[in-house]
């Protein structure tokens, strides 16, 4: 068999596998009651059967993708071990779809319900798998709440806040962390986030803040109102849907940070950018571990400080 024939055969096999995976995902989504709204394609998951179908979709995603498939955020009232979780948002990048998992309604069933095609996979097992990359922006308080309310010990975490810090230009100091809004505003170029998308994002954010921010006369209790208000639903979707773009932005910057410089500390043939990637993953683990300790305090000025040694 010629090299060209082998290449063609391999390509056909890969295409067939991709089509099979997409068909499985589409079939799983077809069993969910889709209720979509602006600004992005999304589904409210508020029944055990919907959880099962979602788990089937997540379990059917390609293994070892070139970039993480899952981008996650959590909303709640006083989000911490002292407060409660209302909504867990999961943006699935390969299908450009966001699941809003109603923790207020489902409680522990959101994490323990099995998929229909597996006897072992649950949302809990996905969140705790070290082999499934999951992207958060500042995982600390999310992890605190998930661990202390539902015994979820997150693994496989990529913390975008740390990725931004690691790829920050050498002319900028690394003493303080940036928030998500600042990262979206500053780092997503107009070619990545259009002016129309930016305007819609700001509008959705403002409408949500007006409803729940106490300083604006709102209340966090709005996250537990059912049916979920469209303004709150849009707010939950609007940040998490842009996390894949931020991840791509910072991932590309890693290759530019001292791209050809070597250092004795990193060993032969290893770039400084590789060292920083490893530091991000290790510090992400450390953040999760810290959030589970008895003395963890997720509020205060110390939360804006960069890790020691960065």
Protein backbone atom coordinates (compact mmCIF):
# COMPACT_ATOMS: atom_id res chain seq x y z
CA UNK A 1 0.00 0.00 0.00
CA UNK A 2 1.39 3.42 -0.95
CA UNK A 3 2.01 6.21 1.56
CA UNK A 4 -0.74 8.26 -0.08
CA UNK A 5 -3.21 5.38 0.32
CA UNK A 6 -2.27 4.94 3.99
CA UNK A 7 -2.72 8.67 4.64
CA UNK A 8 -6.07 8.67 2.88
CA UNK A 9 -7.25 5.60 4.80
CA UNK A 10 -6.15 7.13 8.13
CA UNK A 11 -7.93 10.38 7.30
CA UNK A 12 -11.15 8.53 6.46
CA UNK A 13 -10.94 6.57 9.73
CA UNK A 14 -10.35 9.76 11.73
CA UNK A 15 -13.25 11.49 9.99
CA UNK A 16 -15.51 8.52 10.70
CA UNK A 17 -14.54 8.56 14.40
CA UNK A 18 -15.23 12.30 14.58
CA UNK A 19 -18.62 11.84 12.92
CA UNK A 20 -19.50 9.03 15.36
CA UNK A 21 -18.54 11.21 18.33
CA UNK A 22 -20.57 14.14 17.02
CA UNK A 23 -23.56 11.84 16.41
CA UNK A 24 -23.41 10.57 20.00
CA UNK A 25 -23.26 14.14 21.35
CA UNK A 26 -26.12 15.27 19.12
CA UNK A 27 -28.22 12.30 20.22
CA UNK A 28 -27.58 13.10 23.89
CA UNK A 29 -28.53 16.75 23.38
CA UNK A 30 -31.70 15.67 21.64
CA UNK A 31 -32.90 14.07 24.87
CA UNK A 32 -32.59 17.36 26.77
CA UNK A 33 -35.38 19.91 26.87
CA UNK A 34 -33.54 22.75 25.17
CA UNK A 35 -34.54 26.21 26.33
CA UNK A 36 -32.16 28.62 24.71
CA UNK A 37 -31.77 32.37 25.08
CA UNK A 38 -29.31 35.13 24.28
CA UNK A 39 -26.40 35.57 24.38
CA UNK A 40 -25.40 31.98 23.56
CA UNK A 41 -26.76 28.51 23.03
CA UNK A 42 -27.59 27.15 26.48
CA UNK A 43 -29.68 24.60 28.35
CA UNK A 44 -31.11 24.75 31.85
CA UNK A 45 -30.57 21.38 33.55
CA UNK A 46 -33.13 21.02 36.34
CA UNK A 47 -34.27 17.36 36.29
CA UNK A 48 -32.37 14.09 36.87
CA UNK A 49 -33.16 12.92 33.32
CA UNK A 50 -31.63 16.11 31.93
CA UNK A 51 -28.54 15.52 34.09
CA UNK A 52 -28.23 12.00 32.63
CA UNK A 53 -28.38 13.30 29.08
CA UNK A 54 -25.82 16.00 29.87
CA UNK A 55 -23.46 13.44 31.44
CA UNK A 56 -23.77 11.32 28.27
CA UNK A 57 -22.73 14.36 26.23
CA UNK A 58 -19.76 15.15 28.46
CA UNK A 59 -18.64 11.51 28.58
CA UNK A 60 -18.79 11.36 24.77
CA UNK A 61 -16.38 14.24 24.19
CA UNK A 62 -13.10 13.42 22.41
CA UNK A 63 -10.27 12.22 24.64
CA UNK A 64 -7.04 14.25 24.76
CA UNK A 65 -8.29 17.27 22.78
CA UNK A 66 -5.74 19.91 21.70
CA UNK A 67 -7.42 22.34 24.08
CA UNK A 68 -9.68 21.80 27.12
CA UNK A 69 -13.32 21.06 26.31
CA UNK A 70 -14.89 22.16 29.60
CA UNK A 71 -15.04 25.73 30.98
CA UNK A 72 -16.78 26.11 34.34
CA UNK A 73 -18.10 28.78 36.68
CA UNK A 74 -20.32 28.74 39.78
CA UNK A 75 -22.89 31.25 41.05
CA UNK A 76 -24.51 31.31 44.46
CA UNK A 77 -25.39 33.20 47.60
CA UNK A 78 -22.23 34.05 49.56
CA UNK A 79 -20.43 31.44 47.46
CA UNK A 80 -18.41 29.55 50.06
CA UNK A 81 -18.77 26.85 52.73
CA UNK A 82 -20.93 29.32 54.69
CA UNK A 83 -23.18 30.10 51.72
CA UNK A 84 -24.82 28.05 48.98
CA UNK A 85 -24.53 27.14 45.30
CA UNK A 86 -27.35 28.13 42.95
CA UNK A 87 -26.09 27.48 39.41
CA UNK A 88 -23.09 25.63 38.00
CA UNK A 89 -22.25 26.70 34.45
CA UNK A 90 -20.44 24.33 32.08
CA UNK A 91 -19.47 25.64 28.66
CA UNK A 92 -18.65 22.76 26.29
CA UNK A 93 -16.33 24.23 23.71
CA UNK A 94 -16.46 21.49 21.02
CA UNK A 95 -20.23 21.98 20.65
CA UNK A 96 -20.30 25.72 21.58
CA UNK A 97 -23.01 25.07 24.16
CA UNK A 98 -23.46 26.03 27.81
CA UNK A 99 -25.24 23.95 30.44
CA UNK A 100 -26.72 25.77 33.43
CA UNK A 101 -27.01 23.08 36.10
CA UNK A 102 -29.63 24.07 38.67
CA UNK A 103 -27.98 23.08 41.94
CA UNK A 104 -30.62 24.95 43.96
CA UNK A 105 -33.30 22.56 42.61
CA UNK A 106 -31.29 19.37 42.10
CA UNK A 107 -28.99 19.44 45.12
CA UNK A 108 -26.69 16.41 45.32
CA UNK A 109 -28.58 14.68 42.47
CA UNK A 110 -26.78 17.04 40.07
CA UNK A 111 -23.51 15.32 40.95
CA UNK A 112 -24.58 11.73 41.64
CA UNK A 113 -26.94 11.03 38.70
CA UNK A 114 -25.50 8.55 36.22
CA UNK A 115 -25.59 8.93 32.47
CA UNK A 116 -27.77 6.50 30.53
CA UNK A 117 -24.85 4.95 28.64
CA UNK A 118 -22.51 4.43 31.59
CA UNK A 119 -22.58 2.76 34.99
CA UNK A 120 -19.74 4.84 36.44
CA UNK A 121 -19.75 8.37 35.02
CA UNK A 122 -21.41 11.20 36.90
CA UNK A 123 -20.82 14.95 36.99
CA UNK A 124 -18.89 14.35 40.23
CA UNK A 125 -16.57 11.82 38.57
CA UNK A 126 -15.94 14.25 35.68
CA UNK A 127 -15.14 17.14 38.03
CA UNK A 128 -12.81 14.92 40.06
CA UNK A 129 -11.01 13.31 37.12
CA UNK A 130 -7.35 14.37 36.78
CA UNK A 131 -7.48 13.21 33.15
CA UNK A 132 -10.23 15.63 32.07
CA UNK A 133 -8.95 19.23 31.87
CA UNK A 134 -11.39 21.76 33.33
CA UNK A 135 -10.89 25.51 33.09
CA UNK A 136 -11.99 27.90 35.86
CA UNK A 137 -11.26 31.58 36.41
CA UNK A 138 -10.09 31.79 40.04
CA UNK A 139 -11.15 28.36 41.25
CA UNK A 140 -10.72 29.06 44.98
CA UNK A 141 -14.22 29.97 46.21
CA UNK A 142 -15.89 27.67 43.67
CA UNK A 143 -13.80 24.80 45.03
CA UNK A 144 -14.54 25.81 48.64
CA UNK A 145 -18.30 25.64 48.02
CA UNK A 146 -18.22 22.44 45.94
CA UNK A 147 -16.04 20.60 48.46
CA UNK A 148 -17.84 21.59 51.63
CA UNK A 149 -21.41 21.28 50.34
CA UNK A 150 -21.09 18.28 47.99
CA UNK A 151 -17.73 16.67 48.78
CA UNK A 152 -16.41 17.47 45.29
CA UNK A 153 -12.60 17.43 45.23
CA UNK A 154 -11.70 19.12 41.96
CA UNK A 155 -8.84 17.76 39.85
CA UNK A 156 -7.47 18.52 36.39
CA UNK A 157 -7.89 22.27 36.92
CA UNK A 158 -6.46 25.00 34.69
CA UNK A 159 -6.93 28.35 36.45
CA UNK A 160 -7.18 31.13 33.86
CA UNK A 161 -6.42 33.83 36.42
CA UNK A 162 -3.03 32.18 36.94
CA UNK A 163 -2.49 31.76 33.19
CA UNK A 164 -2.98 35.51 32.75
CA UNK A 165 -0.50 36.23 35.53
CA UNK A 166 2.09 33.83 34.10
CA UNK A 167 1.89 35.35 30.62
CA UNK A 168 1.78 38.99 31.71
CA UNK A 169 4.28 41.20 29.88
CA UNK A 170 7.65 41.54 31.67
CA UNK A 171 7.10 45.31 31.88
CA UNK A 172 4.04 44.75 34.09
CA UNK A 173 4.39 43.70 37.73
CA UNK A 174 3.06 40.40 39.01
CA UNK A 175 2.15 41.50 42.54
CA UNK A 176 -1.63 41.57 42.03
CA UNK A 177 -4.18 39.40 40.23
CA UNK A 178 -6.62 40.64 37.61
CA UNK A 179 -10.35 39.97 37.65
CA UNK A 180 -12.26 38.33 34.81
CA UNK A 181 -13.87 41.53 33.50
CA UNK A 182 -10.48 43.23 33.26
CA UNK A 183 -9.02 40.25 31.40
CA UNK A 184 -11.88 40.20 28.88
CA UNK A 185 -11.66 43.97 28.38
CA UNK A 186 -7.88 44.12 28.03
CA UNK A 187 -6.81 40.82 26.49
CA UNK A 188 -9.52 39.86 23.99
CA UNK A 189 -8.59 41.74 20.86
CA UNK A 190 -11.42 43.03 18.60
CA UNK A 191 -10.50 40.31 16.12
CA UNK A 192 -11.34 37.76 18.85
CA UNK A 193 -14.23 39.53 20.59
CA UNK A 194 -16.20 41.73 18.20
CA UNK A 195 -17.54 45.12 19.24
CA UNK A 196 -21.07 43.71 18.99
CA UNK A 197 -20.19 40.81 21.30
CA UNK A 198 -18.43 43.17 23.70
CA UNK A 199 -21.47 45.45 23.86
CA UNK A 200 -23.82 42.49 24.46
CA UNK A 201 -21.50 41.12 27.17
CA UNK A 202 -21.41 44.45 29.02
CA UNK A 203 -25.19 44.86 28.75
CA UNK A 204 -25.85 41.33 30.11
CA UNK A 205 -23.39 41.93 32.93
CA UNK A 206 -25.03 45.23 33.88
CA UNK A 207 -28.54 43.77 33.87
CA UNK A 208 -27.39 40.96 36.14
CA UNK A 209 -25.53 43.25 38.53
CA UNK A 210 -28.57 45.49 38.84
CA UNK A 211 -30.55 42.51 40.11
CA UNK A 212 -28.11 40.91 42.56
CA UNK A 213 -25.48 43.45 43.60
CA UNK A 214 -26.42 44.82 47.08
CA UNK A 215 -24.68 48.13 46.34
CA UNK A 216 -27.13 48.60 43.47
CA UNK A 217 -30.14 47.65 45.54
CA UNK A 218 -30.15 44.03 44.41
CA UNK A 219 -29.99 40.73 46.27
CA UNK A 220 -28.07 37.50 45.64
CA UNK A 221 -31.30 35.69 46.48
CA UNK A 222 -32.32 36.34 42.87
CA UNK A 223 -30.12 33.37 41.89
CA UNK A 224 -32.55 31.10 43.75
CA UNK A 225 -35.74 32.53 42.26
CA UNK A 226 -37.59 30.09 40.00
CA UNK A 227 -38.30 30.34 37.20
CA UNK A 228 -34.82 31.74 36.65
CA UNK A 229 -35.02 35.27 35.32
CA UNK A 230 -33.75 35.75 31.77
CA UNK A 231 -31.40 38.49 32.97
CA UNK A 232 -29.79 36.10 35.45
CA UNK A 233 -29.68 33.30 32.89
CA UNK A 234 -27.90 35.59 30.42
CA UNK A 235 -25.52 36.76 33.15
CA UNK A 236 -24.59 33.15 33.95
CA UNK A 237 -23.84 32.42 30.29
CA UNK A 238 -22.10 35.62 29.26
CA UNK A 239 -18.82 35.19 31.16
CA UNK A 240 -18.28 31.46 30.82
CA UNK A 241 -18.79 31.46 27.04
CA UNK A 242 -15.71 33.66 26.60
CA UNK A 243 -13.39 31.55 28.75
CA UNK A 244 -12.25 29.41 25.77
CA UNK A 245 -11.11 32.57 23.98
CA UNK A 246 -9.16 33.73 27.02
CA UNK A 247 -7.58 30.28 27.36
CA UNK A 248 -6.48 30.40 23.71
CA UNK A 249 -5.14 33.93 24.18
CA UNK A 250 -2.97 33.02 27.16
CA UNK A 251 -1.96 29.66 25.72
CA UNK A 252 -0.63 31.44 22.64
CA UNK A 253 1.23 33.90 24.87
CA UNK A 254 3.07 31.06 26.57
CA UNK A 255 4.93 30.42 23.32
CA UNK A 256 5.91 34.09 23.19
CA UNK A 257 7.11 34.46 26.78
CA UNK A 258 10.90 34.22 26.47
CA UNK A 259 10.16 31.90 23.57
CA UNK A 260 13.74 30.98 22.74
CA UNK A 261 15.44 31.73 26.05
CA UNK A 262 16.74 28.95 28.20
CA UNK A 263 17.54 28.91 31.87
CA UNK A 264 19.71 26.54 33.85
CA UNK A 265 16.89 26.07 36.33
CA UNK A 266 14.60 24.53 33.72
CA UNK A 267 17.10 22.01 32.41
CA UNK A 268 18.43 21.44 28.90
CA UNK A 269 16.06 21.85 26.01
CA UNK A 270 13.22 23.18 28.15
CA UNK A 271 11.82 26.65 27.53
CA UNK A 272 10.84 29.12 30.22
CA UNK A 273 7.29 29.03 28.84
CA UNK A 274 7.13 25.30 29.70
CA UNK A 275 8.23 26.04 33.24
CA UNK A 276 5.42 28.60 33.63
CA UNK A 277 2.83 26.18 32.25
CA UNK A 278 3.83 23.71 34.95
CA UNK A 279 3.73 26.41 37.61
CA UNK A 280 0.17 27.30 36.59
CA UNK A 281 -0.98 23.69 36.92
CA UNK A 282 0.80 23.22 40.25
CA UNK A 283 -0.58 26.45 41.67
CA UNK A 284 -4.06 25.50 40.43
CA UNK A 285 -3.76 22.30 42.48
CA UNK A 286 -2.50 24.31 45.43
CA UNK A 287 -5.51 26.64 45.22
CA UNK A 288 -7.91 23.70 45.36
CA UNK A 289 -6.05 22.19 48.31
CA UNK A 290 -6.03 25.53 50.16
CA UNK A 291 -9.78 25.99 49.63
CA UNK A 292 -10.42 22.70 51.42
CA UNK A 293 -8.50 23.62 54.58
CA UNK A 294 -10.19 24.54 57.85
CA UNK A 295 -8.68 28.02 57.96
CA UNK A 296 -9.41 29.06 54.37
CA UNK A 297 -10.82 32.59 54.06
CA UNK A 298 -12.14 33.47 50.61
CA UNK A 299 -12.77 37.13 51.32
CA UNK A 300 -10.39 40.04 51.79
CA UNK A 301 -7.60 41.95 50.11
CA UNK A 302 -5.31 38.92 50.28
CA UNK A 303 -7.40 37.31 47.51
CA UNK A 304 -6.01 39.88 45.04
CA UNK A 305 -2.37 39.06 45.79
CA UNK A 306 -0.29 36.93 43.43
CA UNK A 307 1.18 33.66 44.70
CA UNK A 308 4.48 34.03 46.53
CA UNK A 309 7.48 33.86 44.23
CA UNK A 310 5.62 34.87 41.07
